[in-house]
Each structure stands twice: as C-alpha cells, then as structure tokens.
C-alpha cells in the first residue's frame, strides 16, 4: 500500500517545485536531496516553520530519501515536467517549460507553503558547492546525533571533511 507522504508522487512534486523556483538552473541528485531536506526541516536552518514535523529518524531520512527522489524524478521526467541533462560534474535535472503551468494547477495550502520554502531555499541554501554540501550534510548528522545521544561530541569542520 502506498503512503500519501514521501511517496514518489509527493517527493517528485517537491523536487519539481524546487527546480521550478531555481529554473533555469539544473541540480544533481545530492543537491536535490539536501534541498529537499532543507525544505521539509526549514526551521532547523533558521528558516520558516518546517513543513514536516521533527522525527526521531532525522537525517536518517537521507538514505531512504535518495531512492524516493530518484523515483520522483523519473516520474516527473516521464511527465515532461523535469528534464535530464549532462554536465561536467555528472547528471543534473532541470524544470521544463511545462513545470510552472503544472504547479499552478494545484490549489492547496501545502503547495503554497512548499513554494514559499522553495523560494526561501533558492535564496539561502541553493548556492552551495560540493564541499559545502558535504559539510552541511555532516553538520545535520552531527546535530541529529547530539540530539539523539547528548554524550556524542560534535564533529569539527576538519574532522567532517576528512571522513
């Protein structure tokens, strides 16, 4: 049975909204995974109220989320809402010219809030390079570990990069 949350349709829609906001920019899977996390947990980054509640699994979502994002991307590619491109650093994804019109069809508070978070992400979190992305994800894991087990000492920047 498919759950209405975090299924390929919902995740694909979130990614579509992000890519539409960042259009014509194209992003790789790691960047999209990170930005999706930022949108869902925006209050963790001093942003607007988070779309999803804080869960004990926290950054453990990353492992499952990557596959869901791949599935959501493929769904949106088949619908001609997202296109696949090749770049010097690998495969990237971008919103097509059909994306904005498709998103505008939806009239829901969730889509409106998702668009607000995507706008926030586009101005605050989307301009990270690969090294900053790796560091940001390690900081999320470190924060989650400290919340889960206060005896865990946080990773320093050098330790996080060396791993």
C-alpha atoms as a PDB file:
ATOM      1  CA  UNK A   1       0.000   0.000   0.000  1.00  0.00           C
ATOM      2  CA  UNK A   2       1.340   3.439  -0.937  1.00  0.00           C
ATOM      3  CA  UNK A   3       1.501   6.074   1.786  1.00  0.00           C
ATOM      4  CA  UNK A   4       0.370   9.617   0.850  1.00  0.00           C
ATOM      5  CA  UNK A   5       3.549  11.109   2.338  1.00  0.00           C
ATOM      6  CA  UNK A   6       7.038  10.546   0.998  1.00  0.00           C
ATOM      7  CA  UNK A   7       5.924   8.511  -1.976  1.00  0.00           C
ATOM      8  CA  UNK A   8       7.364   9.153  -5.458  1.00  0.00           C
ATOM      9  CA  UNK A   9       4.470  11.445  -6.423  1.00  0.00           C
ATOM     10  CA  UNK A  10       4.780  13.713  -3.382  1.00  0.00           C
ATOM     11  CA  UNK A  11       8.593  13.730  -3.451  1.00  0.00           C
ATOM     12  CA  UNK A  12       8.598  14.338  -7.204  1.00  0.00           C
ATOM     13  CA  UNK A  13       6.251  17.271  -6.721  1.00  0.00           C
ATOM     14  CA  UNK A  14       8.513  18.759  -4.042  1.00  0.00           C
ATOM     15  CA  UNK A  15      11.536  18.424  -6.323  1.00  0.00           C
ATOM     16  CA  UNK A  16       9.574  19.892  -9.235  1.00  0.00           C
ATOM     17  CA  UNK A  17       8.680  22.943  -7.145  1.00  0.00           C
ATOM     18  CA  UNK A  18      12.339  23.409  -6.126  1.00  0.00           C
ATOM     19  CA  UNK A  19      13.623  23.059  -9.688  1.00  0.00           C
ATOM     20  CA  UNK A  20      10.942  25.401 -10.975  1.00  0.00           C
ATOM     21  CA  UNK A  21      11.960  28.004  -8.402  1.00  0.00           C
ATOM     22  CA  UNK A  22      15.619  27.633  -9.403  1.00  0.00           C
ATOM     23  CA  UNK A  23      14.933  27.500 -13.154  1.00  0.00           C
ATOM     24  CA  UNK A  24      16.862  27.536 -15.449  1.00  0.00           C
ATOM     25  CA  UNK A  25      19.458  26.145 -13.056  1.00  0.00           C
ATOM     26  CA  UNK A  26      19.961  22.368 -13.063  1.00  0.00           C
ATOM     27  CA  UNK A  27      20.933  20.375  -9.960  1.00  0.00           C
ATOM     28  CA  UNK A  28      22.372  16.961  -9.221  1.00  0.00           C
ATOM     29  CA  UNK A  29      20.818  14.268  -7.059  1.00  0.00           C
ATOM     30  CA  UNK A  30      22.904  15.089  -3.960  1.00  0.00           C
ATOM     31  CA  UNK A  31      21.961  18.762  -4.142  1.00  0.00           C
ATOM     32  CA  UNK A  32      18.292  17.900  -4.588  1.00  0.00           C
ATOM     33  CA  UNK A  33      18.393  15.510  -1.639  1.00  0.00           C
ATOM     34  CA  UNK A  34      19.906  18.208   0.563  1.00  0.00           C
ATOM     35  CA  UNK A  35      17.477  20.915  -0.584  1.00  0.00           C
ATOM     36  CA  UNK A  36      14.507  18.604  -0.081  1.00  0.00           C
ATOM     37  CA  UNK A  37      15.675  18.044   3.495  1.00  0.00           C
ATOM     38  CA  UNK A  38      16.093  21.819   3.954  1.00  0.00           C
ATOM     39  CA  UNK A  39      12.565  22.487   2.695  1.00  0.00           C
ATOM     40  CA  UNK A  40      10.992  19.889   4.953  1.00  0.00           C
ATOM     41  CA  UNK A  41      13.007  20.932   8.021  1.00  0.00           C
ATOM     42  CA  UNK A  42      13.474  24.641   7.292  1.00  0.00           C
ATOM     43  CA  UNK A  43      13.179  25.725  10.922  1.00  0.00           C
ATOM     44  CA  UNK A  44      16.365  23.720  11.645  1.00  0.00           C
ATOM     45  CA  UNK A  45      18.151  26.212   9.389  1.00  0.00           C
ATOM     46  CA  UNK A  46      16.648  29.370  10.896  1.00  0.00           C
ATOM     47  CA  UNK A  47      14.090  29.450   8.104  1.00  0.00           C
ATOM     48  CA  UNK A  48      10.297  29.372   8.083  1.00  0.00           C
ATOM     49  CA  UNK A  49       8.322  26.820  10.050  1.00  0.00           C
ATOM     50  CA  UNK A  50       9.145  23.298   8.892  1.00  0.00           C
ATOM     51  CA  UNK A  51       6.682  21.596   6.554  1.00  0.00           C
ATOM     52  CA  UNK A  52       7.070  18.228   8.262  1.00  0.00           C
ATOM     53  CA  UNK A  53       7.278  17.534  11.989  1.00  0.00           C
ATOM     54  CA  UNK A  54      10.585  16.735  13.605  1.00  0.00           C
ATOM     55  CA  UNK A  55      11.021  12.963  13.771  1.00  0.00           C
ATOM     56  CA  UNK A  56      13.493  10.839  15.729  1.00  0.00           C
ATOM     57  CA  UNK A  57      14.881   9.420  12.476  1.00  0.00           C
ATOM     58  CA  UNK A  58      16.071  12.898  11.490  1.00  0.00           C
ATOM     59  CA  UNK A  59      18.891  12.758   8.969  1.00  0.00           C
ATOM     60  CA  UNK A  60      18.412   9.008   8.687  1.00  0.00           C
ATOM     61  CA  UNK A  61      15.939  10.165   6.067  1.00  0.00           C
ATOM     62  CA  UNK A  62      18.821  10.808   3.666  1.00  0.00           C
ATOM     63  CA  UNK A  63      19.368   7.117   2.960  1.00  0.00           C
ATOM     64  CA  UNK A  64      15.732   6.448   2.116  1.00  0.00           C
ATOM     65  CA  UNK A  65      15.143   9.861   0.560  1.00  0.00           C
ATOM     66  CA  UNK A  66      17.722   9.439  -2.207  1.00  0.00           C
ATOM     67  CA  UNK A  67      15.831   6.462  -3.697  1.00  0.00           C
ATOM     68  CA  UNK A  68      12.493   8.264  -3.321  1.00  0.00           C
ATOM     69  CA  UNK A  69      13.910  11.327  -5.046  1.00  0.00           C
ATOM     70  CA  UNK A  70      15.235   9.189  -7.898  1.00  0.00           C
ATOM     71  CA  UNK A  71      11.776   7.610  -8.277  1.00  0.00           C
ATOM     72  CA  UNK A  72      10.064  11.015  -8.066  1.00  0.00           C
ATOM     73  CA  UNK A  73      12.439  12.475 -10.638  1.00  0.00           C
ATOM     74  CA  UNK A  74      11.757   9.627 -13.048  1.00  0.00           C
ATOM     75  CA  UNK A  75       8.028  10.162 -12.639  1.00  0.00           C
ATOM     76  CA  UNK A  76       8.371  13.870 -13.410  1.00  0.00           C
ATOM     77  CA  UNK A  77      10.718  13.156 -16.345  1.00  0.00           C
ATOM     78  CA  UNK A  78       8.128  10.782 -17.845  1.00  0.00           C
ATOM     79  CA  UNK A  79       5.522  13.538 -17.444  1.00  0.00           C
ATOM     80  CA  UNK A  80       7.838  16.009 -19.283  1.00  0.00           C
ATOM     81  CA  UNK A  81       7.975  18.279 -16.228  1.00  0.00           C
ATOM     82  CA  UNK A  82      11.670  17.690 -15.467  1.00  0.00           C
ATOM     83  CA  UNK A  83      14.451  17.060 -17.951  1.00  0.00           C
ATOM     84  CA  UNK A  84      17.710  15.190 -17.525  1.00  0.00           C
ATOM     85  CA  UNK A  85      20.897  16.916 -18.657  1.00  0.00           C
ATOM     86  CA  UNK A  86      24.548  16.044 -18.610  1.00  0.00           C
ATOM     87  CA  UNK A  87      27.021  18.442 -17.076  1.00  0.00           C
ATOM     88  CA  UNK A  88      30.754  18.413 -16.465  1.00  0.00           C
ATOM     89  CA  UNK A  89      30.114  17.019 -12.985  1.00  0.00           C
ATOM     90  CA  UNK A  90      27.539  14.391 -13.984  1.00  0.00           C
ATOM     91  CA  UNK A  91      23.802  14.090 -14.446  1.00  0.00           C
ATOM     92  CA  UNK A  92      21.649  17.068 -13.460  1.00  0.00           C
ATOM     93  CA  UNK A  93      17.935  17.813 -13.525  1.00  0.00           C
ATOM     94  CA  UNK A  94      16.029  20.947 -14.506  1.00  0.00           C
ATOM     95  CA  UNK A  95      12.408  22.031 -14.673  1.00  0.00           C
ATOM     96  CA  UNK A  96      10.933  22.112 -18.172  1.00  0.00           C
ATOM     97  CA  UNK A  97       8.805  24.921 -19.558  1.00  0.00           C
ATOM     98  CA  UNK A  98       5.746  22.842 -18.572  1.00  0.00           C
ATOM     99  CA  UNK A  99       6.600  22.881 -14.852  1.00  0.00           C
ATOM    100  CA  UNK A 100       5.220  26.276 -13.825  1.00  0.00           C
ATOM    101  CA  UNK A 101       1.868  25.719 -15.509  1.00  0.00           C
ATOM    102  CA  UNK A 102       1.523  22.280 -13.955  1.00  0.00           C
ATOM    103  CA  UNK A 103       2.318  23.586 -10.467  1.00  0.00           C
ATOM    104  CA  UNK A 104      -0.185  26.425 -10.901  1.00  0.00           C
ATOM    105  CA  UNK A 105      -2.979  23.881 -11.445  1.00  0.00           C
ATOM    106  CA  UNK A 106      -2.771  22.885  -7.782  1.00  0.00           C
ATOM    107  CA  UNK A 107      -4.684  24.984  -5.321  1.00  0.00           C
ATOM    108  CA  UNK A 108      -3.674  23.760  -1.893  1.00  0.00           C
ATOM    109  CA  UNK A 109      -2.118  25.187   1.236  1.00  0.00           C
ATOM    110  CA  UNK A 110       0.625  22.541   1.079  1.00  0.00           C
ATOM    111  CA  UNK A 111       1.724  23.579  -2.437  1.00  0.00           C
ATOM    112  CA  UNK A 112       1.613  27.242  -1.411  1.00  0.00           C
ATOM    113  CA  UNK A 113       3.794  26.540   1.637  1.00  0.00           C
ATOM    114  CA  UNK A 114       6.072  24.349  -0.459  1.00  0.00           C
ATOM    115  CA  UNK A 115       6.559  27.197  -2.925  1.00  0.00           C
ATOM    116  CA  UNK A 116       7.350  29.585  -0.050  1.00  0.00           C
ATOM    117  CA  UNK A 117      10.003  27.155   1.268  1.00  0.00           C
ATOM    118  CA  UNK A 118      11.399  26.660  -2.242  1.00  0.00           C
ATOM    119  CA  UNK A 119      11.737  30.424  -2.588  1.00  0.00           C
ATOM    120  CA  UNK A 120      13.489  30.593   0.791  1.00  0.00           C
ATOM    121  CA  UNK A 121      15.813  27.718  -0.184  1.00  0.00           C
ATOM    122  CA  UNK A 122      16.634  29.353  -3.511  1.00  0.00           C
ATOM    123  CA  UNK A 123      17.871  32.455  -1.698  1.00  0.00           C
ATOM    124  CA  UNK A 124      19.625  30.840   1.258  1.00  0.00           C
ATOM    125  CA  UNK A 125      20.629  27.228   0.724  1.00  0.00           C
ATOM    126  CA  UNK A 126      20.830  26.512  -3.006  1.00  0.00           C
ATOM    127  CA  UNK A 127      24.146  28.159  -3.770  1.00  0.00           C
ATOM    128  CA  UNK A 128      26.421  25.551  -2.203  1.00  0.00           C
ATOM    129  CA  UNK A 129      29.297  23.795  -3.913  1.00  0.00           C
ATOM    130  CA  UNK A 130      30.065  20.101  -3.402  1.00  0.00           C
ATOM    131  CA  UNK A 131      32.432  20.678  -0.470  1.00  0.00           C
ATOM    132  CA  UNK A 132      29.928  22.948   1.300  1.00  0.00           C
ATOM    133  CA  UNK A 133      27.188  20.418   0.577  1.00  0.00           C
ATOM    134  CA  UNK A 134      29.189  17.590   2.157  1.00  0.00           C
ATOM    135  CA  UNK A 135      29.964  19.779   5.174  1.00  0.00           C
ATOM    136  CA  UNK A 136      26.326  20.840   5.568  1.00  0.00           C
ATOM    137  CA  UNK A 137      25.124  17.226   5.479  1.00  0.00           C
ATOM    138  CA  UNK A 138      27.734  16.212   8.064  1.00  0.00           C
ATOM    139  CA  UNK A 139      26.585  19.058  10.305  1.00  0.00           C
ATOM    140  CA  UNK A 140      22.999  17.818  10.031  1.00  0.00           C
ATOM    141  CA  UNK A 141      24.105  14.316  11.029  1.00  0.00           C
ATOM    142  CA  UNK A 142      26.201  15.679  13.885  1.00  0.00           C
ATOM    143  CA  UNK A 143      23.309  17.787  15.199  1.00  0.00           C
ATOM    144  CA  UNK A 144      20.968  14.819  14.961  1.00  0.00           C
ATOM    145  CA  UNK A 145      23.445  12.578  16.810  1.00  0.00           C
ATOM    146  CA  UNK A 146      23.790  15.143  19.604  1.00  0.00           C
ATOM    147  CA  UNK A 147      20.004  15.348  19.954  1.00  0.00           C
ATOM    148  CA  UNK A 148      19.657  11.576  19.915  1.00  0.00           C
ATOM    149  CA  UNK A 149      22.625  10.920  22.228  1.00  0.00           C
ATOM    150  CA  UNK A 150      23.883  14.009  24.125  1.00  0.00           C
ATOM    151  CA  UNK A 151      27.115  12.179  25.009  1.00  0.00           C
ATOM    152  CA  UNK A 152      28.201  12.349  21.358  1.00  0.00           C
ATOM    153  CA  UNK A 153      30.724  15.092  20.703  1.00  0.00           C
ATOM    154  CA  UNK A 154      30.085  17.083  17.540  1.00  0.00           C
ATOM    155  CA  UNK A 155      32.402  16.773  14.557  1.00  0.00           C
ATOM    156  CA  UNK A 156      34.693  19.690  13.913  1.00  0.00           C
ATOM    157  CA  UNK A 157      34.892  21.083  10.408  1.00  0.00           C
ATOM    158  CA  UNK A 158      38.242  19.396   9.764  1.00  0.00           C
ATOM    159  CA  UNK A 159      37.054  16.042  11.103  1.00  0.00           C
ATOM    160  CA  UNK A 160      33.907  16.200   8.983  1.00  0.00           C
ATOM    161  CA  UNK A 161      35.850  16.960   5.826  1.00  0.00           C
ATOM    162  CA  UNK A 162      38.464  14.256   6.472  1.00  0.00           C
ATOM    163  CA  UNK A 163      35.890  11.479   6.792  1.00  0.00           C
END
